PDB file of N, CA and C in Angstrom:
ATOM      1  N   MET A   1      25.915 223.920  96.327  1.00  0.00           N
ATOM      2  CA  MET A   1      24.954 224.605  95.500  1.00  0.00           C
ATOM      3  C   MET A   1      26.412 225.971  95.164  1.00  0.00           C
ATOM      4  N   THR A   2      26.103 226.097  93.924  1.00  0.00           N
ATOM      5  CA  THR A   2      27.188 227.227  93.665  1.00  0.00           C
ATOM      6  C   THR A   2      26.899 228.971  93.963  1.00  0.00           C
ATOM      7  N   SER A   3      27.498 229.714  94.342  1.00  0.00           N
ATOM      8  CA  SER A   3      27.232 230.845  94.781  1.00  0.00           C
ATOM      9  C   SER A   3      27.484 231.969  93.597  1.00  0.00           C
ATOM     10  N   GLU A   4      28.064 231.357  92.788  1.00  0.00           N
ATOM     11  CA  GLU A   4      28.274 232.353  91.719  1.00  0.00           C
ATOM     12  C   GLU A   4      28.046 232.341  90.330  1.00  0.00           C
ATOM     13  N   TYR A   5      27.509 233.399  89.641  1.00  0.00           N
ATOM     14  CA  TYR A   5      27.061 232.947  88.383  1.00  0.00           C
ATOM     15  C   TYR A   5      28.183 232.683  87.362  1.00  0.00           C
ATOM     16  N   LYS A   6      28.223 231.651  86.881  1.00  0.00           N
ATOM     17  CA  LYS A   6      29.210 231.398  85.976  1.00  0.00           C
ATOM     18  C   LYS A   6      29.292 232.352  84.548  1.00  0.00           C
ATOM     19  N   THR A   7      30.518 232.508  83.811  1.00  0.00           N
ATOM     20  CA  THR A   7      30.438 233.409  82.531  1.00  0.00           C
ATOM     21  C   THR A   7      30.340 232.332  81.778  1.00  0.00           C
ATOM     22  N   GLU A   8      30.807 231.192  81.725  1.00  0.00           N
ATOM     23  CA  GLU A   8      30.615 229.943  80.820  1.00  0.00           C
ATOM     24  C   GLU A   8      29.336 229.762  80.582  1.00  0.00           C
ATOM     25  N   GLN A   9      28.629 229.861  79.357  1.00  0.00           N
ATOM     26  CA  GLN A   9      27.500 229.669  79.252  1.00  0.00           C
ATOM     27  C   GLN A   9      27.255 228.301  78.212  1.00  0.00           C
ATOM     28  N   PRO A  10      26.458 227.519  78.942  1.00  0.00           N
ATOM     29  CA  PRO A  10      26.125 226.180  77.913  1.00  0.00           C
ATOM     30  C   PRO A  10      25.212 226.607  76.708  1.00  0.00           C
ATOM     31  N   GLU A  11      25.558 225.831  75.762  1.00  0.00           N
ATOM     32  CA  GLU A  11      24.716 226.353  74.806  1.00  0.00           C
ATOM     33  C   GLU A  11      23.039 225.536  74.774  1.00  0.00           C
ATOM     34  N   ARG A  12      22.271 226.476  74.052  1.00  0.00           N
ATOM     35  CA  ARG A  12      20.549 226.263  74.311  1.00  0.00           C
ATOM     36  C   ARG A  12      20.447 224.662  74.222  1.00  0.00           C
ATOM     37  N   SER A  13      20.952 224.262  73.447  1.00  0.00           N
ATOM     38  CA  SER A  13      20.838 222.657  73.076  1.00  0.00           C
ATOM     39  C   SER A  13      21.309 222.089  73.978  1.00  0.00           C
ATOM     40  N   GLU A  14      22.543 222.530  75.036  1.00  0.00           N
ATOM     41  CA  GLU A  14      22.750 221.292  76.076  1.00  0.00           C
ATOM     42  C   GLU A  14      21.222 221.622  77.089  1.00  0.00           C
ATOM     43  N   ILE A  15      20.741 222.804  76.882  1.00  0.00           N
ATOM     44  CA  ILE A  15      19.976 222.872  78.163  1.00  0.00           C
ATOM     45  C   ILE A  15      18.482 222.358  77.893  1.00  0.00           C
ATOM     46  N   ASP A  16      18.323 222.133  76.580  1.00  0.00           N
ATOM     47  CA  ASP A  16      17.130 221.440  76.241  1.00  0.00           C
ATOM     48  C   ASP A  16      17.259 220.046  76.285  1.00  0.00           C
ATOM     49  N   ALA A  17      18.790 219.370  76.100  1.00  0.00           N
ATOM     50  CA  ALA A  17      18.697 218.147  76.242  1.00  0.00           C
ATOM     51  C   ALA A  17      18.557 217.733  77.668  1.00  0.00           C
ATOM     52  N   LEU A  18      18.641 218.468  78.761  1.00  0.00           N
ATOM     53  CA  LEU A  18      18.567 218.127  80.047  1.00  0.00           C
ATOM     54  C   LEU A  18      17.457 217.406  80.641  1.00  0.00           C
ATOM     55  N   THR A  19      17.671 216.096  81.339  1.00  0.00           N
ATOM     56  CA  THR A  19      17.036 215.017  81.802  1.00  0.00           C
ATOM     57  C   THR A  19      16.048 215.903  83.562  1.00  0.00           C
ATOM     58  N   GLY A  20      15.175 215.398  83.436  1.00  0.00           N
ATOM     59  CA  GLY A  20      14.565 215.700  84.772  1.00  0.00           C
ATOM     60  C   GLY A  20      14.471 217.285  85.433  1.00  0.00           C
ATOM     61  N   PRO A  21      14.372 217.469  86.323  1.00  0.00           N
ATOM     62  CA  PRO A  21      14.016 218.914  86.883  1.00  0.00           C
ATOM     63  C   PRO A  21      15.596 219.654  87.200  1.00  0.00           C
ATOM     64  N   ALA A  22      15.303 220.914  86.563  1.00  0.00           N
ATOM     65  CA  ALA A  22      16.535 221.821  86.396  1.00  0.00           C
ATOM     66  C   ALA A  22      15.956 223.413  86.559  1.00  0.00           C
ATOM     67  N   VAL A  23      16.750 224.090  86.959  1.00  0.00           N
ATOM     68  CA  VAL A  23      16.376 225.703  87.099  1.00  0.00           C
ATOM     69  C   VAL A  23      17.745 226.534  86.698  1.00  0.00           C
ATOM     70  N   VAL A  24      17.558 227.024  85.315  1.00  0.00           N
ATOM     71  CA  VAL A  24      18.675 228.163  85.069  1.00  0.00           C
ATOM     72  C   VAL A  24      18.245 229.170  85.319  1.00  0.00           C
ATOM     73  N   GLU A  25      19.233 229.820  86.502  1.00  0.00           N
ATOM     74  CA  GLU A  25      18.685 231.240  86.979  1.00  0.00           C
ATOM     75  C   GLU A  25      19.863 231.902  86.367  1.00  0.00           C
ATOM     76  N   PHE A  26      19.258 233.221  85.839  1.00  0.00           N
ATOM     77  CA  PHE A  26      20.010 234.273  85.280  1.00  0.00           C
ATOM     78  C   PHE A  26      20.161 235.482  85.844  1.00  0.00           C
ATOM     79  N   GLY A  27      21.565 235.873  85.865  1.00  0.00           N
ATOM     80  CA  GLY A  27      21.383 237.151  86.703  1.00  0.00           C
ATOM     81  C   GLY A  27      23.233 237.717  86.451  1.00  0.00           C
ATOM     82  N   THR A  28      23.643 238.391  87.564  1.00  0.00           N
ATOM     83  CA  THR A  28      24.992 238.959  87.420  1.00  0.00           C
ATOM     84  C   THR A  28      25.538 238.609  88.995  1.00  0.00           C
ATOM     85  N   ASN A  29      27.232 238.518  88.992  1.00  0.00           N
ATOM     86  CA  ASN A  29      27.482 238.580  90.460  1.00  0.00           C
ATOM     87  C   ASN A  29      27.474 240.073  90.966  1.00  0.00           C
ATOM     88  N   TRP A  30      27.615 241.122  90.320  1.00  0.00           N
ATOM     89  CA  TRP A  30      27.418 242.407  90.693  1.00  0.00           C
ATOM     90  C   TRP A  30      26.033 242.899  91.049  1.00  0.00           C
ATOM     91  N   CYS A  31      24.918 241.850  90.682  1.00  0.00           N
ATOM     92  CA  CYS A  31      23.600 242.506  90.783  1.00  0.00           C
ATOM     93  C   CYS A  31      22.928 242.638  92.121  1.00  0.00           C
ATOM     94  N   GLY A  32      22.853 243.913  92.745  1.00  0.00           N
ATOM     95  CA  GLY A  32      22.467 243.791  93.849  1.00  0.00           C
ATOM     96  C   GLY A  32      21.216 243.152  94.199  1.00  0.00           C
ATOM     97  N   ILE A  33      20.086 243.178  93.477  1.00  0.00           N
ATOM     98  CA  ILE A  33      18.906 242.495  93.538  1.00  0.00           C
ATOM     99  C   ILE A  33      19.294 240.992  93.645  1.00  0.00           C
ATOM    100  N   CYS A  34      19.943 240.657  92.475  1.00  0.00           N
ATOM    101  CA  CYS A  34      20.465 239.068  92.509  1.00  0.00           C
ATOM    102  C   CYS A  34      20.993 238.520  93.822  1.00  0.00           C
ATOM    103  N   LYS A  35      21.683 239.363  94.707  1.00  0.00           N
ATOM    104  CA  LYS A  35      22.269 239.169  95.719  1.00  0.00           C
ATOM    105  C   LYS A  35      21.173 239.350  97.053  1.00  0.00           C
ATOM    106  N   ALA A  36      20.092 240.118  96.740  1.00  0.00           N
ATOM    107  CA  ALA A  36      19.311 240.177  97.938  1.00  0.00           C
ATOM    108  C   ALA A  36      18.270 239.004  97.501  1.00  0.00           C
ATOM    109  N   ALA A  37      18.552 238.411  96.626  1.00  0.00           N
ATOM    110  CA  ALA A  37      17.343 237.133  95.970  1.00  0.00           C
ATOM    111  C   ALA A  37      18.153 235.736  96.759  1.00  0.00           C
ATOM    112  N   GLN A  38      19.115 235.828  96.805  1.00  0.00           N
ATOM    113  CA  GLN A  38      19.687 234.695  97.184  1.00  0.00           C
ATOM    114  C   GLN A  38      19.678 233.616  98.548  1.00  0.00           C
ATOM    115  N   PRO A  39      19.126 234.701  99.428  1.00  0.00           N
ATOM    116  CA  PRO A  39      18.556 233.717 100.450  1.00  0.00           C
ATOM    117  C   PRO A  39      17.201 233.081 100.243  1.00  0.00           C
ATOM    118  N   ASN A  40      16.676 233.676  99.673  1.00  0.00           N
ATOM    119  CA  ASN A  40      15.240 233.078  99.392  1.00  0.00           C
ATOM    120  C   ASN A  40      15.261 231.758  98.246  1.00  0.00           C
ATOM    121  N   ILE A  41      16.084 232.278  97.372  1.00  0.00           N
ATOM    122  CA  ILE A  41      16.453 231.059  96.404  1.00  0.00           C
ATOM    123  C   ILE A  41      16.991 229.796  97.218  1.00  0.00           C
ATOM    124  N   THR A  42      18.207 230.270  97.883  1.00  0.00           N
ATOM    125  CA  THR A  42      18.757 229.054  98.755  1.00  0.00           C
ATOM    126  C   THR A  42      17.424 228.246  99.619  1.00  0.00           C
ATOM    127  N   GLU A  43      16.728 228.899 100.198  1.00  0.00           N
ATOM    128  CA  GLU A  43      15.952 228.463 101.229  1.00  0.00           C
ATOM    129  C   GLU A  43      14.875 227.329 100.462  1.00  0.00           C
ATOM    130  N   ALA A  44      14.361 227.800  99.290  1.00  0.00           N
ATOM    131  CA  ALA A  44      13.359 227.103  98.428  1.00  0.00           C
ATOM    132  C   ALA A  44      14.308 225.935  98.156  1.00  0.00           C
ATOM    133  N   PHE A  45      15.566 226.043  97.452  1.00  0.00           N
ATOM    134  CA  PHE A  45      16.006 224.976  96.969  1.00  0.00           C
ATOM    135  C   PHE A  45      16.558 223.865  98.037  1.00  0.00           C
ATOM    136  N   ALA A  46      16.230 224.329  99.088  1.00  0.00           N
ATOM    137  CA  ALA A  46      16.736 223.242 100.503  1.00  0.00           C
ATOM    138  C   ALA A  46      15.845 222.416 100.276  1.00  0.00           C
ATOM    139  N   GLN A  47      14.526 222.629 100.257  1.00  0.00           N
ATOM    140  CA  GLN A  47      13.437 221.606 100.037  1.00  0.00           C
ATOM    141  C   GLN A  47      13.285 220.718  98.923  1.00  0.00           C
ATOM    142  N   PHE A  48      14.060 220.840  97.796  1.00  0.00           N
ATOM    143  CA  PHE A  48      14.244 220.308  96.602  1.00  0.00           C
ATOM    144  C   PHE A  48      15.534 220.001  96.259  1.00  0.00           C
ATOM    145  N   PRO A  49      15.992 219.081  96.854  1.00  0.00           N
ATOM    146  CA  PRO A  49      17.520 218.410  96.660  1.00  0.00           C
ATOM    147  C   PRO A  49      17.862 218.038  95.245  1.00  0.00           C
ATOM    148  N   ASN A  50      16.688 217.368  94.602  1.00  0.00           N
ATOM    149  CA  ASN A  50      16.882 216.743  93.357  1.00  0.00           C
ATOM    150  C   ASN A  50      17.195 217.571  92.088  1.00  0.00           C
ATOM    151  N   VAL A  51      16.813 218.987  92.574  1.00  0.00           N
ATOM    152  CA  VAL A  51      16.620 219.882  91.427  1.00  0.00           C
ATOM    153  C   VAL A  51      18.187 220.376  90.991  1.00  0.00           C
ATOM    154  N   ARG A  52      18.628 220.324  89.590  1.00  0.00           N
ATOM    155  CA  ARG A  52      19.614 221.163  89.307  1.00  0.00           C
ATOM    156  C   ARG A  52      19.538 222.429  89.236  1.00  0.00           C
ATOM    157  N   ARG A  53      20.686 223.467  89.723  1.00  0.00           N
ATOM    158  CA  ARG A  53      20.402 224.699  89.720  1.00  0.00           C
ATOM    159  C   ARG A  53      21.708 225.084  88.806  1.00  0.00           C
ATOM    160  N   ILE A  54      21.445 225.696  87.775  1.00  0.00           N
ATOM    161  CA  ILE A  54      22.731 226.259  86.630  1.00  0.00           C
ATOM    162  C   ILE A  54      22.530 227.953  86.761  1.00  0.00           C
ATOM    163  N   LYS A  55      23.633 228.534  87.336  1.00  0.00           N
ATOM    164  CA  LYS A  55      23.590 229.809  87.698  1.00  0.00           C
ATOM    165  C   LYS A  55      24.402 230.492  86.491  1.00  0.00           C
ATOM    166  N   VAL A  56      23.737 231.372  85.342  1.00  0.00           N
ATOM    167  CA  VAL A  56      24.142 231.615  84.298  1.00  0.00           C
ATOM    168  C   VAL A  56      24.397 233.369  84.323  1.00  0.00           C
ATOM    169  N   GLU A  57      25.624 233.660  84.080  1.00  0.00           N
ATOM    170  CA  GLU A  57      25.732 235.297  84.164  1.00  0.00           C
ATOM    171  C   GLU A  57      25.115 235.802  82.677  1.00  0.00           C
ATOM    172  N   ASP A  58      24.522 236.507  83.013  1.00  0.00           N
ATOM    173  CA  ASP A  58      23.717 237.243  81.853  1.00  0.00           C
ATOM    174  C   ASP A  58      24.241 238.793  81.275  1.00  0.00           C
ATOM    175  N   GLY A  59      23.538 239.039  80.135  1.00  0.00           N
ATOM    176  CA  GLY A  59      24.149 240.659  79.909  1.00  0.00           C
ATOM    177  C   GLY A  59      23.905 240.717  78.505  1.00  0.00           C
ATOM    178  N   SER A  60      24.286 241.854  77.755  1.00  0.00           N
ATOM    179  CA  SER A  60      24.310 242.411  76.442  1.00  0.00           C
ATOM    180  C   SER A  60      24.966 241.134  75.736  1.00  0.00           C
ATOM    181  N   GLY A  61      24.778 240.662  74.617  1.00  0.00           N
ATOM    182  CA  GLY A  61      25.415 239.931  73.539  1.00  0.00           C
ATOM    183  C   GLY A  61      25.309 238.503  74.403  1.00  0.00           C
ATOM    184  N   ARG A  62      24.799 237.866  75.520  1.00  0.00           N
ATOM    185  CA  ARG A  62      24.575 236.359  76.034  1.00  0.00           C
ATOM    186  C   ARG A  62      23.474 235.626  75.096  1.00  0.00           C
ATOM    187  N   PRO A  63      23.612 235.189  74.311  1.00  0.00           N
ATOM    188  CA  PRO A  63      22.570 234.427  73.608  1.00  0.00           C
ATOM    189  C   PRO A  63      21.604 233.534  74.347  1.00  0.00           C
ATOM    190  N   LEU A  64      22.364 233.066  75.555  1.00  0.00           N
ATOM    191  CA  LEU A  64      21.423 231.688  76.190  1.00  0.00           C
ATOM    192  C   LEU A  64      20.193 232.461  77.023  1.00  0.00           C
ATOM    193  N   GLY A  65      20.570 233.879  77.589  1.00  0.00           N
ATOM    194  CA  GLY A  65      19.310 234.634  78.498  1.00  0.00           C
ATOM    195  C   GLY A  65      18.481 235.080  77.324  1.00  0.00           C
ATOM    196  N   ARG A  66      18.900 235.523  76.142  1.00  0.00           N
ATOM    197  CA  ARG A  66      18.151 236.030  75.187  1.00  0.00           C
ATOM    198  C   ARG A  66      17.040 235.058  74.668  1.00  0.00           C
ATOM    199  N   SER A  67      17.882 233.690  74.278  1.00  0.00           N
ATOM    200  CA  SER A  67      16.826 232.761  74.004  1.00  0.00           C
ATOM    201  C   SER A  67      15.591 232.405  75.121  1.00  0.00           C
ATOM    202  N   PHE A  68      15.759 232.474  76.236  1.00  0.00           N
ATOM    203  CA  PHE A  68      14.522 232.754  77.364  1.00  0.00           C
ATOM    204  C   PHE A  68      14.100 234.015  77.466  1.00  0.00           C
ATOM    205  N   ASN A  69      14.403 234.981  76.598  1.00  0.00           N
ATOM    206  CA  ASN A  69      13.518 236.181  76.666  1.00  0.00           C
ATOM    207  C   ASN A  69      13.935 236.891  78.342  1.00  0.00           C
ATOM    208  N   VAL A  70      15.192 236.560  78.676  1.00  0.00           N
ATOM    209  CA  VAL A  70      15.543 237.705  79.709  1.00  0.00           C
ATOM    210  C   VAL A  70      15.552 239.177  79.692  1.00  0.00           C
ATOM    211  N   ARG A  71      14.893 239.496  80.716  1.00  0.00           N
ATOM    212  CA  ARG A  71      15.077 240.829  80.797  1.00  0.00           C
ATOM    213  C   ARG A  71      15.726 241.523  81.797  1.00  0.00           C
ATOM    214  N   LEU A  72      15.045 240.905  82.939  1.00  0.00           N
ATOM    215  CA  LEU A  72      15.588 241.242  84.111  1.00  0.00           C
ATOM    216  C   LEU A  72      16.452 240.407  84.900  1.00  0.00           C
ATOM    217  N   TRP A  73      16.942 240.892  86.031  1.00  0.00           N
ATOM    218  CA  TRP A  73      17.532 239.773  86.911  1.00  0.00           C
ATOM    219  C   TRP A  73      17.032 240.128  88.290  1.00  0.00           C
ATOM    220  N   PRO A  74      17.466 238.735  89.145  1.00  0.00           N
ATOM    221  CA  PRO A  74      17.452 237.368  88.568  1.00  0.00           C
ATOM    222  C   PRO A  74      16.047 236.729  88.066  1.00  0.00           C
ATOM    223  N   THR A  75      16.404 235.920  86.725  1.00  0.00           N
ATOM    224  CA  THR A  75      15.179 235.452  86.610  1.00  0.00           C
ATOM    225  C   THR A  75      15.273 234.081  86.406  1.00  0.00           C
ATOM    226  N   LEU A  76      14.779 233.092  86.773  1.00  0.00           N
ATOM    227  CA  LEU A  76      14.439 231.684  87.103  1.00  0.00           C
ATOM    228  C   LEU A  76      13.860 231.084  85.943  1.00  0.00           C
ATOM    229  N   VAL A  77      14.258 230.173  85.506  1.00  0.00           N
ATOM    230  CA  VAL A  77      13.384 229.295  84.338  1.00  0.00           C
ATOM    231  C   VAL A  77      13.682 227.841  84.656  1.00  0.00           C
ATOM    232  N   PHE A  78      12.332 227.269  85.295  1.00  0.00           N
ATOM    233  CA  PHE A  78      11.992 226.081  86.002  1.00  0.00           C
ATOM    234  C   PHE A  78      11.837 225.133  84.670  1.00  0.00           C
ATOM    235  N   MET A  79      12.621 223.974  84.624  1.00  0.00           N
ATOM    236  CA  MET A  79      12.669 223.214  83.295  1.00  0.00           C
ATOM    237  C   MET A  79      12.532 221.564  83.815  1.00  0.00           C
ATOM    238  N   ARG A  80      11.689 220.896  82.858  1.00  0.00           N
ATOM    239  CA  ARG A  80      11.915 219.465  83.197  1.00  0.00           C
ATOM    240  C   ARG A  80      11.670 218.820  81.953  1.00  0.00           C
ATOM    241  N   ASP A  81      12.768 218.178  81.999  1.00  0.00           N
ATOM    242  CA  ASP A  81      13.207 217.556  80.760  1.00  0.00           C
ATOM    243  C   ASP A  81      13.349 218.163  79.434  1.00  0.00           C
ATOM    244  N   GLY A  82      14.066 219.223  79.815  1.00  0.00           N
ATOM    245  CA  GLY A  82      14.094 220.282  78.773  1.00  0.00           C
ATOM    246  C   GLY A  82      13.278 221.295  78.195  1.00  0.00           C
ATOM    247  N   LYS A  83      12.235 221.117  79.112  1.00  0.00           N
ATOM    248  CA  LYS A  83      10.988 221.832  78.294  1.00  0.00           C
ATOM    249  C   LYS A  83      10.793 222.895  79.785  1.00  0.00           C
ATOM    250  N   GLU A  84      10.508 224.301  79.184  1.00  0.00           N
ATOM    251  CA  GLU A  84      10.171 225.040  80.224  1.00  0.00           C
ATOM    252  C   GLU A  84       8.946 225.255  80.754  1.00  0.00           C
ATOM    253  N   VAL A  85       8.657 225.083  82.053  1.00  0.00           N
ATOM    254  CA  VAL A  85       7.406 224.902  82.780  1.00  0.00           C
ATOM    255  C   VAL A  85       7.045 226.338  83.540  1.00  0.00           C
ATOM    256  N   ALA A  86       7.757 226.761  84.050  1.00  0.00           N
ATOM    257  CA  ALA A  86       7.569 228.063  84.698  1.00  0.00           C
ATOM    258  C   ALA A  86       8.561 229.294  84.591  1.00  0.00           C
ATOM    259  N   LYS A  87       8.338 230.433  85.005  1.00  0.00           N
ATOM    260  CA  LYS A  87       9.371 231.361  84.735  1.00  0.00           C
ATOM    261  C   LYS A  87       8.988 232.241  86.048  1.00  0.00           C
ATOM    262  N   LEU A  88      10.468 232.813  87.017  1.00  0.00           N
ATOM    263  CA  LEU A  88       9.756 233.640  87.961  1.00  0.00           C
ATOM    264  C   LEU A  88      11.234 235.036  87.601  1.00  0.00           C
ATOM    265  N   VAL A  89      10.596 236.033  87.317  1.00  0.00           N
ATOM    266  CA  VAL A  89      11.397 237.546  87.444  1.00  0.00           C
ATOM    267  C   VAL A  89      11.405 238.182  88.569  1.00  0.00           C
ATOM    268  N   ARG A  90      12.714 238.188  89.559  1.00  0.00           N
ATOM    269  CA  ARG A  90      12.823 238.785  90.606  1.00  0.00           C
ATOM    270  C   ARG A  90      11.829 238.452  91.581  1.00  0.00           C
ATOM    271  N   PRO A  91      11.808 237.313  92.098  1.00  0.00           N
ATOM    272  CA  PRO A  91      11.465 236.471  92.979  1.00  0.00           C
ATOM    273  C   PRO A  91      11.573 237.264  94.213  1.00  0.00           C
ATOM    274  N   GLU A  92      10.539 237.542  95.170  1.00  0.00           N
ATOM    275  CA  GLU A  92      10.615 238.308  96.395  1.00  0.00           C
ATOM    276  C   GLU A  92      10.466 237.556  97.433  1.00  0.00           C
ATOM    277  N   ASP A  93       9.957 236.364  97.476  1.00  0.00           N
ATOM    278  CA  ASP A  93      10.026 235.250  98.508  1.00  0.00           C
ATOM    279  C   ASP A  93      10.205 233.790  98.217  1.00  0.00           C
ATOM    280  N   SER A  94      10.299 233.120  99.317  1.00  0.00           N
ATOM    281  CA  SER A  94      11.036 231.676  98.957  1.00  0.00           C
ATOM    282  C   SER A  94       9.534 230.926  98.851  1.00  0.00           C
ATOM    283  N   LYS A  95       8.739 230.969  98.911  1.00  0.00           N
ATOM    284  CA  LYS A  95       7.618 230.424  98.716  1.00  0.00           C
ATOM    285  C   LYS A  95       7.186 230.394  97.303  1.00  0.00           C
ATOM    286  N   SER A  96       7.011 231.482  96.723  1.00  0.00           N
ATOM    287  CA  SER A  96       6.993 231.493  94.913  1.00  0.00           C
ATOM    288  C   SER A  96       7.808 230.258  94.663  1.00  0.00           C
ATOM    289  N   ILE A  97       8.858 230.480  94.902  1.00  0.00           N
ATOM    290  CA  ILE A  97      10.092 229.648  94.209  1.00  0.00           C
ATOM    291  C   ILE A  97       9.983 228.343  94.551  1.00  0.00           C
ATOM    292  N   ALA A  98       9.512 227.846  95.773  1.00  0.00           N
ATOM    293  CA  ALA A  98       9.507 226.613  96.288  1.00  0.00           C
ATOM    294  C   ALA A  98       8.221 226.139  95.421  1.00  0.00           C
ATOM    295  N   ASP A  99       6.876 227.094  95.227  1.00  0.00           N
ATOM    296  CA  ASP A  99       5.955 226.417  94.283  1.00  0.00           C
ATOM    297  C   ASP A  99       6.444 226.282  92.846  1.00  0.00           C
ATOM    298  N   ALA A 100       7.380 227.316  92.361  1.00  0.00           N
ATOM    299  CA  ALA A 100       7.701 226.597  91.065  1.00  0.00           C
ATOM    300  C   ALA A 100       8.571 225.297  91.123  1.00  0.00           C
ATOM    301  N   LEU A 101       9.172 225.098  91.830  1.00  0.00           N
ATOM    302  CA  LEU A 101       9.937 224.307  92.158  1.00  0.00           C
ATOM    303  C   LEU A 101       9.423 222.832  92.107  1.00  0.00           C
ATOM    304  N   ALA A 102       8.303 223.037  92.627  1.00  0.00           N
ATOM    305  CA  ALA A 102       7.229 222.014  93.162  1.00  0.00           C
ATOM    306  C   ALA A 102       6.697 221.460  91.464  1.00  0.00           C
ATOM    307  N   LEU A 103       6.492 222.182  90.820  1.00  0.00           N
ATOM    308  CA  LEU A 103       6.126 221.810  89.375  1.00  0.00           C
ATOM    309  C   LEU A 103       7.001 220.918  88.883  1.00  0.00           C
ATOM    310  N   ILE A 104       8.377 221.332  88.874  1.00  0.00           N
ATOM    311  CA  ILE A 104       9.239 220.293  88.170  1.00  0.00           C
ATOM    312  C   ILE A 104       9.903 219.253  88.758  1.00  0.00           C
ATOM    313  N   ASP A 105       9.524 219.114  90.296  1.00  0.00           N
ATOM    314  CA  ASP A 105      10.231 218.173  91.397  1.00  0.00           C
ATOM    315  C   ASP A 105       9.084 217.179  91.543  1.00  0.00           C
ATOM    316  N   ARG A 106       8.893 216.215  90.444  1.00  0.00           N
ATOM    317  CA  ARG A 106       7.915 215.253  90.606  1.00  0.00           C
ATOM    318  C   ARG A 106       7.944 214.066  89.676  1.00  0.00           C
ATOM    319  N   PRO A 107       7.723 212.707  90.357  1.00  0.00           N
ATOM    320  CA  PRO A 107       7.611 211.622  89.494  1.00  0.00           C
ATOM    321  C   PRO A 107       7.419 211.817  87.547  1.00  0.00           C
ATOM    322  N   ALA A 108       7.949 211.048  86.924  1.00  0.00           N
ATOM    323  CA  ALA A 108       7.655 211.540  85.367  1.00  0.00           C
ATOM    324  C   ALA A 108       6.726 210.630  85.261  1.00  0.00           C
TER     325      ALA A 108
END
């Protein structure tokens, strides 16, 4: 699992074309709240090894985050087959993340 938010951003069409369960996580590498959330996010993802995690650096002028209406970091967008199923903004515990992961990591 990658620990850094990637500055290179996929196009929204690439995200919409994903198959299976995936989470797009928006934040920045310098964000204290993002750093503090990582242990809970990592703990939840450990229970769902089949879910793809895409960490994307967000900020002003970043179209991918705007297309998901991201306003605060970290924001996790839970997707199944390119469709948004759930969104968590600044999650504070691993259970809420695991609950959202369970919504997308199920048989088709």
